[in-house]
């Protein structure tokens, strides 16, 4: 039978074992709490990072494209615009394989309205004198061919008999452009056909070489040879034509652009 001292030692040993076991359990609980908190924090960080990555675009958004204006296709045009105007928006100018086959009806009236950066003027076309050229001009105008083009040549004249014109109708804006085809000549009849405010088809000097370019006489041009088709006359807004004719130039090239913002033809 164990003695009291032996029993006491056994109880103390059991008590120590319980305390040791309790300390181990407490250490495990603290470890689980610490590591569990760290794990939760890592999960939260990972979740935030994933959300940020998901929200971030694959690449930087492209910068907005610069707006294109009429000088994109006519870079020779000055940046300065005459009469306080602004450069119009870019307009697509079509090219054609062949000229239109139809001719203008002589019984109809064709009024071409020029809306320019210096104001508006109206040209009454002449289908009787120039049915081919009139129809060609209407054909191109109806397709926006003259929109967002500029008067690339202005000749001031300045002395009796000197040439006085404003010239336009070239989508390239340098005097070299056209619609992709040429039309037949319809030479004027009579003496001195190039009166002030008449409109005529420009050409290269070779037969049947006109296309889209035209010139408006800003004074009587009696010395101009009769090899350019006259197909109309300014009937309203003559003061606007006079204003365009006074735009400063260098070697007949304007230093300020006068833009044809829109050209429409009313047929009645």
C-alpha atoms as a PDB file:
ATOM      1  CA  UNK A   1       0.000   0.000   0.000  1.00  0.00           C
ATOM      2  CA  UNK A   2       1.545   3.419  -0.994  1.00  0.00           C
ATOM      3  CA  UNK A   3       2.605   5.727   1.723  1.00  0.00           C
ATOM      4  CA  UNK A   4       1.175   9.272   2.036  1.00  0.00           C
ATOM      5  CA  UNK A   5       4.356  10.755   0.621  1.00  0.00           C
ATOM      6  CA  UNK A   6       4.179   8.514  -2.440  1.00  0.00           C
ATOM      7  CA  UNK A   7       0.522   9.462  -2.982  1.00  0.00           C
ATOM      8  CA  UNK A   8       1.398  13.129  -2.705  1.00  0.00           C
ATOM      9  CA  UNK A   9       4.177  12.804  -5.272  1.00  0.00           C
ATOM     10  CA  UNK A  10       1.830  11.063  -7.663  1.00  0.00           C
ATOM     11  CA  UNK A  11      -0.775  13.833  -7.312  1.00  0.00           C
ATOM     12  CA  UNK A  12       1.862  16.493  -7.873  1.00  0.00           C
ATOM     13  CA  UNK A  13       3.087  14.644 -10.986  1.00  0.00           C
ATOM     14  CA  UNK A  14      -0.466  14.409 -12.367  1.00  0.00           C
ATOM     15  CA  UNK A  15      -1.041  18.108 -11.614  1.00  0.00           C
ATOM     16  CA  UNK A  16       2.193  19.052 -13.386  1.00  0.00           C
ATOM     17  CA  UNK A  17       1.238  16.921 -16.376  1.00  0.00           C
ATOM     18  CA  UNK A  18      -2.165  18.650 -16.553  1.00  0.00           C
ATOM     19  CA  UNK A  19      -0.521  22.088 -16.343  1.00  0.00           C
ATOM     20  CA  UNK A  20       1.984  21.156 -19.052  1.00  0.00           C
ATOM     21  CA  UNK A  21      -0.797  19.845 -21.245  1.00  0.00           C
ATOM     22  CA  UNK A  22      -2.803  23.054 -20.682  1.00  0.00           C
ATOM     23  CA  UNK A  23       0.234  25.186 -21.583  1.00  0.00           C
ATOM     24  CA  UNK A  24       0.721  23.197 -24.812  1.00  0.00           C
ATOM     25  CA  UNK A  25      -2.950  23.626 -25.738  1.00  0.00           C
ATOM     26  CA  UNK A  26      -2.731  27.392 -25.015  1.00  0.00           C
ATOM     27  CA  UNK A  27       0.384  27.663 -27.195  1.00  0.00           C
ATOM     28  CA  UNK A  28      -1.427  25.815 -30.028  1.00  0.00           C
ATOM     29  CA  UNK A  29      -4.428  28.137 -29.713  1.00  0.00           C
ATOM     30  CA  UNK A  30      -2.202  31.215 -29.858  1.00  0.00           C
ATOM     31  CA  UNK A  31      -0.337  29.824 -32.854  1.00  0.00           C
ATOM     32  CA  UNK A  32      -3.591  29.044 -34.659  1.00  0.00           C
ATOM     33  CA  UNK A  33      -4.868  32.542 -33.892  1.00  0.00           C
ATOM     34  CA  UNK A  34      -1.707  34.243 -35.162  1.00  0.00           C
ATOM     35  CA  UNK A  35      -1.270  32.140 -38.271  1.00  0.00           C
ATOM     36  CA  UNK A  36      -4.989  32.184 -38.984  1.00  0.00           C
ATOM     37  CA  UNK A  37      -5.012  35.981 -38.802  1.00  0.00           C
ATOM     38  CA  UNK A  38      -1.990  36.137 -41.080  1.00  0.00           C
ATOM     39  CA  UNK A  39      -3.678  33.772 -43.514  1.00  0.00           C
ATOM     40  CA  UNK A  40      -6.852  35.828 -43.511  1.00  0.00           C
ATOM     41  CA  UNK A  41      -4.857  39.004 -44.082  1.00  0.00           C
ATOM     42  CA  UNK A  42      -3.016  37.371 -46.979  1.00  0.00           C
ATOM     43  CA  UNK A  43      -6.303  36.256 -48.476  1.00  0.00           C
ATOM     44  CA  UNK A  44      -7.676  39.782 -48.188  1.00  0.00           C
ATOM     45  CA  UNK A  45      -4.568  41.266 -49.804  1.00  0.00           C
ATOM     46  CA  UNK A  46      -4.736  38.699 -52.585  1.00  0.00           C
ATOM     47  CA  UNK A  47      -8.401  39.501 -53.162  1.00  0.00           C
ATOM     48  CA  UNK A  48      -7.760  43.244 -53.360  1.00  0.00           C
ATOM     49  CA  UNK A  49      -4.846  42.692 -55.734  1.00  0.00           C
ATOM     50  CA  UNK A  50      -6.973  40.479 -57.946  1.00  0.00           C
ATOM     51  CA  UNK A  51      -9.711  43.109 -58.014  1.00  0.00           C
ATOM     52  CA  UNK A  52      -7.228  45.811 -58.957  1.00  0.00           C
ATOM     53  CA  UNK A  53      -5.741  43.653 -61.692  1.00  0.00           C
ATOM     54  CA  UNK A  54      -9.178  42.800 -63.020  1.00  0.00           C
ATOM     55  CA  UNK A  55     -10.147  46.462 -63.117  1.00  0.00           C
ATOM     56  CA  UNK A  56      -6.923  47.582 -64.786  1.00  0.00           C
ATOM     57  CA  UNK A  57      -7.113  47.598 -68.618  1.00  0.00           C
ATOM     58  CA  UNK A  58      -4.748  45.359 -70.525  1.00  0.00           C
ATOM     59  CA  UNK A  59      -3.108  48.430 -72.078  1.00  0.00           C
ATOM     60  CA  UNK A  60      -3.304  52.152 -71.802  1.00  0.00           C
ATOM     61  CA  UNK A  61      -6.296  53.610 -73.645  1.00  0.00           C
ATOM     62  CA  UNK A  62      -5.360  55.048 -76.998  1.00  0.00           C
ATOM     63  CA  UNK A  63      -5.135  58.798 -77.163  1.00  0.00           C
ATOM     64  CA  UNK A  64      -8.013  60.331 -79.113  1.00  0.00           C
ATOM     65  CA  UNK A  65      -7.142  60.785 -82.768  1.00  0.00           C
ATOM     66  CA  UNK A  66      -6.455  64.335 -83.795  1.00  0.00           C
ATOM     67  CA  UNK A  67      -9.355  65.838 -85.669  1.00  0.00           C
ATOM     68  CA  UNK A  68      -8.681  66.065 -89.396  1.00  0.00           C
ATOM     69  CA  UNK A  69      -9.560  69.202 -91.320  1.00  0.00           C
ATOM     70  CA  UNK A  70      -9.564  70.227 -94.968  1.00  0.00           C
ATOM     71  CA  UNK A  71      -5.807  70.902 -94.962  1.00  0.00           C
ATOM     72  CA  UNK A  72      -5.201  67.157 -94.538  1.00  0.00           C
ATOM     73  CA  UNK A  73      -5.800  66.696 -98.269  1.00  0.00           C
ATOM     74  CA  UNK A  74      -4.721  70.193 -99.292  1.00  0.00           C
ATOM     75  CA  UNK A  75      -1.564  70.802 -97.224  1.00  0.00           C
ATOM     76  CA  UNK A  76      -0.478  73.704 -99.424  1.00  0.00           C
ATOM     77  CA  UNK A  77      -3.410  75.763 -98.122  1.00  0.00           C
ATOM     78  CA  UNK A  78      -2.354  78.401 -95.574  1.00  0.00           C
ATOM     79  CA  UNK A  79      -3.298  77.774 -91.955  1.00  0.00           C
ATOM     80  CA  UNK A  80      -4.631  81.333 -91.771  1.00  0.00           C
ATOM     81  CA  UNK A  81      -8.175  81.713 -93.057  1.00  0.00           C
ATOM     82  CA  UNK A  82      -9.345  84.895 -94.752  1.00  0.00           C
ATOM     83  CA  UNK A  83     -12.267  87.015 -93.551  1.00  0.00           C
ATOM     84  CA  UNK A  84     -12.068  85.625 -90.016  1.00  0.00           C
ATOM     85  CA  UNK A  85     -13.242  82.189 -91.123  1.00  0.00           C
ATOM     86  CA  UNK A  86     -12.167  78.761 -89.908  1.00  0.00           C
ATOM     87  CA  UNK A  87     -10.783  75.697 -91.682  1.00  0.00           C
ATOM     88  CA  UNK A  88     -13.687  73.381 -92.551  1.00  0.00           C
ATOM     89  CA  UNK A  89     -13.771  69.704 -91.698  1.00  0.00           C
ATOM     90  CA  UNK A  90     -12.128  67.217 -94.002  1.00  0.00           C
ATOM     91  CA  UNK A  91     -14.338  65.953 -96.823  1.00  0.00           C
ATOM     92  CA  UNK A  92     -13.754  62.883 -98.963  1.00  0.00           C
ATOM     93  CA  UNK A  93     -13.348  63.761-102.631  1.00  0.00           C
ATOM     94  CA  UNK A  94     -14.152  60.895-104.946  1.00  0.00           C
ATOM     95  CA  UNK A  95     -12.244  59.995-108.087  1.00  0.00           C
ATOM     96  CA  UNK A  96     -14.058  58.837-111.205  1.00  0.00           C
ATOM     97  CA  UNK A  97     -13.011  56.700-114.159  1.00  0.00           C
ATOM     98  CA  UNK A  98     -14.999  58.558-116.795  1.00  0.00           C
ATOM     99  CA  UNK A  99     -16.978  61.791-117.182  1.00  0.00           C
ATOM    100  CA  UNK A 100     -20.763  61.812-116.899  1.00  0.00           C
ATOM    101  CA  UNK A 101     -22.528  61.092-120.170  1.00  0.00           C
ATOM    102  CA  UNK A 102     -25.567  63.311-119.714  1.00  0.00           C
ATOM    103  CA  UNK A 103     -25.913  67.006-120.526  1.00  0.00           C
ATOM    104  CA  UNK A 104     -27.806  69.771-118.759  1.00  0.00           C
ATOM    105  CA  UNK A 105     -31.393  70.480-119.773  1.00  0.00           C
ATOM    106  CA  UNK A 106     -31.558  73.865-121.526  1.00  0.00           C
ATOM    107  CA  UNK A 107     -35.062  74.512-120.154  1.00  0.00           C
ATOM    108  CA  UNK A 108     -33.958  74.155-116.513  1.00  0.00           C
ATOM    109  CA  UNK A 109     -32.375  76.777-114.293  1.00  0.00           C
ATOM    110  CA  UNK A 110     -29.262  75.820-112.361  1.00  0.00           C
ATOM    111  CA  UNK A 111     -28.186  78.053-109.466  1.00  0.00           C
ATOM    112  CA  UNK A 112     -24.958  77.139-107.688  1.00  0.00           C
ATOM    113  CA  UNK A 113     -24.669  78.484-104.140  1.00  0.00           C
ATOM    114  CA  UNK A 114     -21.092  78.908-102.884  1.00  0.00           C
ATOM    115  CA  UNK A 115     -20.795  79.077 -99.092  1.00  0.00           C
ATOM    116  CA  UNK A 116     -17.274  80.336 -98.425  1.00  0.00           C
ATOM    117  CA  UNK A 117     -15.270  81.538 -95.452  1.00  0.00           C
ATOM    118  CA  UNK A 118     -15.771  85.079 -96.820  1.00  0.00           C
ATOM    119  CA  UNK A 119     -19.534  84.788 -97.366  1.00  0.00           C
ATOM    120  CA  UNK A 120     -21.990  83.429 -99.917  1.00  0.00           C
ATOM    121  CA  UNK A 121     -22.474  84.076-103.608  1.00  0.00           C
ATOM    122  CA  UNK A 122     -24.629  82.486-106.315  1.00  0.00           C
ATOM    123  CA  UNK A 123     -23.649  81.508-109.849  1.00  0.00           C
ATOM    124  CA  UNK A 124     -26.357  80.928-112.445  1.00  0.00           C
ATOM    125  CA  UNK A 125     -25.096  78.231-114.787  1.00  0.00           C
ATOM    126  CA  UNK A 126     -25.691  78.390-118.534  1.00  0.00           C
ATOM    127  CA  UNK A 127     -26.961  75.030-119.874  1.00  0.00           C
ATOM    128  CA  UNK A 128     -27.622  76.471-123.328  1.00  0.00           C
ATOM    129  CA  UNK A 129     -24.114  77.749-123.980  1.00  0.00           C
ATOM    130  CA  UNK A 130     -22.339  74.870-122.206  1.00  0.00           C
ATOM    131  CA  UNK A 131     -24.584  71.830-121.602  1.00  0.00           C
ATOM    132  CA  UNK A 132     -21.675  69.404-121.071  1.00  0.00           C
ATOM    133  CA  UNK A 133     -19.716  71.648-118.711  1.00  0.00           C
ATOM    134  CA  UNK A 134     -22.834  72.679-116.795  1.00  0.00           C
ATOM    135  CA  UNK A 135     -23.883  69.083-116.225  1.00  0.00           C
ATOM    136  CA  UNK A 136     -20.349  68.133-115.222  1.00  0.00           C
ATOM    137  CA  UNK A 137     -20.259  70.937-112.645  1.00  0.00           C
ATOM    138  CA  UNK A 138     -23.638  69.886-111.234  1.00  0.00           C
ATOM    139  CA  UNK A 139     -22.583  66.232-111.200  1.00  0.00           C
ATOM    140  CA  UNK A 140     -19.500  67.028-109.118  1.00  0.00           C
ATOM    141  CA  UNK A 141     -21.282  69.471-106.812  1.00  0.00           C
ATOM    142  CA  UNK A 142     -23.996  66.921-106.024  1.00  0.00           C
ATOM    143  CA  UNK A 143     -21.257  64.543-104.843  1.00  0.00           C
ATOM    144  CA  UNK A 144     -19.627  67.110-102.588  1.00  0.00           C
ATOM    145  CA  UNK A 145     -16.567  67.373-104.807  1.00  0.00           C
ATOM    146  CA  UNK A 146     -16.163  71.104-104.225  1.00  0.00           C
ATOM    147  CA  UNK A 147     -16.825  71.018-100.477  1.00  0.00           C
ATOM    148  CA  UNK A 148     -13.787  71.812 -98.300  1.00  0.00           C
ATOM    149  CA  UNK A 149     -11.669  73.049-101.211  1.00  0.00           C
ATOM    150  CA  UNK A 150     -10.020  76.456-101.406  1.00  0.00           C
ATOM    151  CA  UNK A 151      -9.364  79.181-103.976  1.00  0.00           C
ATOM    152  CA  UNK A 152      -5.757  78.216-104.577  1.00  0.00           C
ATOM    153  CA  UNK A 153      -5.037  80.965-107.110  1.00  0.00           C
ATOM    154  CA  UNK A 154      -5.928  84.652-106.982  1.00  0.00           C
ATOM    155  CA  UNK A 155      -4.634  87.028-109.665  1.00  0.00           C
ATOM    156  CA  UNK A 156      -5.234  90.639-108.720  1.00  0.00           C
ATOM    157  CA  UNK A 157      -4.705  92.253-112.084  1.00  0.00           C
ATOM    158  CA  UNK A 158      -4.174  95.829-110.991  1.00  0.00           C
ATOM    159  CA  UNK A 159      -3.711  97.418-114.406  1.00  0.00           C
ATOM    160  CA  UNK A 160      -5.893  97.634-117.536  1.00  0.00           C
ATOM    161  CA  UNK A 161      -5.893  94.402-119.506  1.00  0.00           C
ATOM    162  CA  UNK A 162      -4.089  92.383-116.801  1.00  0.00           C
ATOM    163  CA  UNK A 163      -5.633  89.052-115.846  1.00  0.00           C
ATOM    164  CA  UNK A 164      -7.982  89.263-112.822  1.00  0.00           C
ATOM    165  CA  UNK A 165      -9.388  85.952-111.573  1.00  0.00           C
ATOM    166  CA  UNK A 166      -9.995  83.742-108.569  1.00  0.00           C
ATOM    167  CA  UNK A 167      -9.510  80.029-109.243  1.00  0.00           C
ATOM    168  CA  UNK A 168     -10.683  76.931-107.355  1.00  0.00           C
ATOM    169  CA  UNK A 169     -12.133  73.458-107.761  1.00  0.00           C
ATOM    170  CA  UNK A 170      -8.987  71.451-106.987  1.00  0.00           C
ATOM    171  CA  UNK A 171      -9.279  68.969-104.077  1.00  0.00           C
ATOM    172  CA  UNK A 172      -5.466  68.815-103.831  1.00  0.00           C
ATOM    173  CA  UNK A 173      -5.351  72.580-103.531  1.00  0.00           C
ATOM    174  CA  UNK A 174      -2.168  73.023-105.557  1.00  0.00           C
ATOM    175  CA  UNK A 175      -3.556  73.390-109.075  1.00  0.00           C
ATOM    176  CA  UNK A 176      -2.732  69.806-110.057  1.00  0.00           C
ATOM    177  CA  UNK A 177      -5.854  67.938-108.921  1.00  0.00           C
ATOM    178  CA  UNK A 178      -9.047  66.944-110.667  1.00  0.00           C
ATOM    179  CA  UNK A 179     -11.898  64.425-110.748  1.00  0.00           C
ATOM    180  CA  UNK A 180      -9.965  61.682-112.562  1.00  0.00           C
ATOM    181  CA  UNK A 181     -11.257  62.495-116.040  1.00  0.00           C
ATOM    182  CA  UNK A 182     -11.468  65.371-118.520  1.00  0.00           C
ATOM    183  CA  UNK A 183     -14.380  66.807-120.495  1.00  0.00           C
ATOM    184  CA  UNK A 184     -14.800  68.234-123.964  1.00  0.00           C
ATOM    185  CA  UNK A 185     -14.360  71.941-124.667  1.00  0.00           C
ATOM    186  CA  UNK A 186     -17.343  74.189-125.401  1.00  0.00           C
ATOM    187  CA  UNK A 187     -15.587  77.346-126.526  1.00  0.00           C
ATOM    188  CA  UNK A 188     -17.451  80.627-126.098  1.00  0.00           C
ATOM    189  CA  UNK A 189     -18.692  82.648-129.036  1.00  0.00           C
ATOM    190  CA  UNK A 190     -18.586  86.380-129.473  1.00  0.00           C
ATOM    191  CA  UNK A 191     -16.055  89.028-128.577  1.00  0.00           C
ATOM    192  CA  UNK A 192     -14.537  89.340-125.097  1.00  0.00           C
ATOM    193  CA  UNK A 193     -16.518  86.518-123.412  1.00  0.00           C
ATOM    194  CA  UNK A 194     -14.647  86.744-120.100  1.00  0.00           C
ATOM    195  CA  UNK A 195     -16.585  89.597-118.569  1.00  0.00           C
ATOM    196  CA  UNK A 196     -16.445  90.422-114.873  1.00  0.00           C
ATOM    197  CA  UNK A 197     -18.205  87.787-112.720  1.00  0.00           C
ATOM    198  CA  UNK A 198     -18.353  85.122-115.451  1.00  0.00           C
ATOM    199  CA  UNK A 199     -17.283  81.599-114.492  1.00  0.00           C
ATOM    200  CA  UNK A 200     -15.220  79.464-116.896  1.00  0.00           C
ATOM    201  CA  UNK A 201     -13.640  76.029-116.895  1.00  0.00           C
ATOM    202  CA  UNK A 202      -9.862  76.008-116.442  1.00  0.00           C
ATOM    203  CA  UNK A 203      -7.702  73.671-118.507  1.00  0.00           C
ATOM    204  CA  UNK A 204      -4.070  72.828-119.163  1.00  0.00           C
ATOM    205  CA  UNK A 205      -3.965  74.578-122.524  1.00  0.00           C
ATOM    206  CA  UNK A 206      -4.434  71.295-124.368  1.00  0.00           C
ATOM    207  CA  UNK A 207      -7.738  70.466-126.102  1.00  0.00           C
ATOM    208  CA  UNK A 208     -10.454  68.872-123.956  1.00  0.00           C
ATOM    209  CA  UNK A 209      -8.369  69.009-120.767  1.00  0.00           C
ATOM    210  CA  UNK A 210     -10.869  70.588-118.362  1.00  0.00           C
ATOM    211  CA  UNK A 211     -12.170  68.618-115.398  1.00  0.00           C
ATOM    212  CA  UNK A 212     -13.207  70.326-112.158  1.00  0.00           C
ATOM    213  CA  UNK A 213     -11.131  73.490-111.823  1.00  0.00           C
ATOM    214  CA  UNK A 214     -12.816  76.775-112.662  1.00  0.00           C
ATOM    215  CA  UNK A 215     -12.079  80.476-112.493  1.00  0.00           C
ATOM    216  CA  UNK A 216     -14.252  83.515-111.940  1.00  0.00           C
ATOM    217  CA  UNK A 217     -13.232  86.738-113.658  1.00  0.00           C
ATOM    218  CA  UNK A 218     -13.036  89.566-111.103  1.00  0.00           C
ATOM    219  CA  UNK A 219     -12.682  92.161-113.867  1.00  0.00           C
ATOM    220  CA  UNK A 220     -13.158  92.130-117.616  1.00  0.00           C
ATOM    221  CA  UNK A 221     -10.400  89.969-119.144  1.00  0.00           C
ATOM    222  CA  UNK A 222     -10.376  91.002-122.844  1.00  0.00           C
ATOM    223  CA  UNK A 223      -6.877  89.655-123.478  1.00  0.00           C
ATOM    224  CA  UNK A 224      -7.720  86.153-122.354  1.00  0.00           C
ATOM    225  CA  UNK A 225      -7.807  83.807-125.386  1.00  0.00           C
ATOM    226  CA  UNK A 226     -11.175  82.201-126.079  1.00  0.00           C
ATOM    227  CA  UNK A 227     -10.108  78.683-125.167  1.00  0.00           C
ATOM    228  CA  UNK A 228     -11.912  78.324-121.863  1.00  0.00           C
ATOM    229  CA  UNK A 229     -15.562  77.265-121.607  1.00  0.00           C
ATOM    230  CA  UNK A 230     -17.780  79.967-120.078  1.00  0.00           C
ATOM    231  CA  UNK A 231     -20.663  78.262-118.280  1.00  0.00           C
ATOM    232  CA  UNK A 232     -22.286  80.847-116.015  1.00  0.00           C
ATOM    233  CA  UNK A 233     -22.188  84.156-114.173  1.00  0.00           C
ATOM    234  CA  UNK A 234     -22.352  85.404-110.583  1.00  0.00           C
ATOM    235  CA  UNK A 235     -25.884  86.774-110.068  1.00  0.00           C
ATOM    236  CA  UNK A 236     -25.838  87.374-106.295  1.00  0.00           C
ATOM    237  CA  UNK A 237     -23.161  88.090-103.713  1.00  0.00           C
ATOM    238  CA  UNK A 238     -20.824  89.939-106.093  1.00  0.00           C
ATOM    239  CA  UNK A 239     -19.394  91.841-103.109  1.00  0.00           C
ATOM    240  CA  UNK A 240     -18.215  88.499-101.682  1.00  0.00           C
ATOM    241  CA  UNK A 241     -16.374  87.751-104.919  1.00  0.00           C
ATOM    242  CA  UNK A 242     -14.801  91.226-104.728  1.00  0.00           C
ATOM    243  CA  UNK A 243     -13.715  90.501-101.138  1.00  0.00           C
ATOM    244  CA  UNK A 244     -12.099  87.215-102.148  1.00  0.00           C
ATOM    245  CA  UNK A 245     -10.308  88.965-105.007  1.00  0.00           C
ATOM    246  CA  UNK A 246      -8.596  91.284-102.488  1.00  0.00           C
ATOM    247  CA  UNK A 247      -7.091  88.525-100.329  1.00  0.00           C
ATOM    248  CA  UNK A 248      -3.307  89.054-100.117  1.00  0.00           C
ATOM    249  CA  UNK A 249      -1.140  86.801-102.266  1.00  0.00           C
ATOM    250  CA  UNK A 250       2.434  85.920-103.037  1.00  0.00           C
ATOM    251  CA  UNK A 251       3.094  85.020-106.672  1.00  0.00           C
ATOM    252  CA  UNK A 252      -0.679  84.567-107.217  1.00  0.00           C
ATOM    253  CA  UNK A 253      -0.898  82.120-104.291  1.00  0.00           C
ATOM    254  CA  UNK A 254      -3.078  83.410-101.432  1.00  0.00           C
ATOM    255  CA  UNK A 255      -1.389  83.848 -98.069  1.00  0.00           C
ATOM    256  CA  UNK A 256      -4.790  83.359 -96.412  1.00  0.00           C
ATOM    257  CA  UNK A 257      -7.141  80.577 -97.460  1.00  0.00           C
ATOM    258  CA  UNK A 258     -10.652  81.226 -98.721  1.00  0.00           C
ATOM    259  CA  UNK A 259     -12.488  77.929 -98.315  1.00  0.00           C
ATOM    260  CA  UNK A 260     -15.528  76.707-100.204  1.00  0.00           C
ATOM    261  CA  UNK A 261     -17.231  75.207 -97.198  1.00  0.00           C
ATOM    262  CA  UNK A 262     -20.218  73.926 -99.173  1.00  0.00           C
ATOM    263  CA  UNK A 263     -21.367  74.137-102.787  1.00  0.00           C
ATOM    264  CA  UNK A 264     -24.914  73.137-103.684  1.00  0.00           C
ATOM    265  CA  UNK A 265     -26.927  73.461-106.895  1.00  0.00           C
ATOM    266  CA  UNK A 266     -30.647  74.196-106.992  1.00  0.00           C
ATOM    267  CA  UNK A 267     -32.377  72.991-110.155  1.00  0.00           C
ATOM    268  CA  UNK A 268     -35.757  74.482-111.111  1.00  0.00           C
END
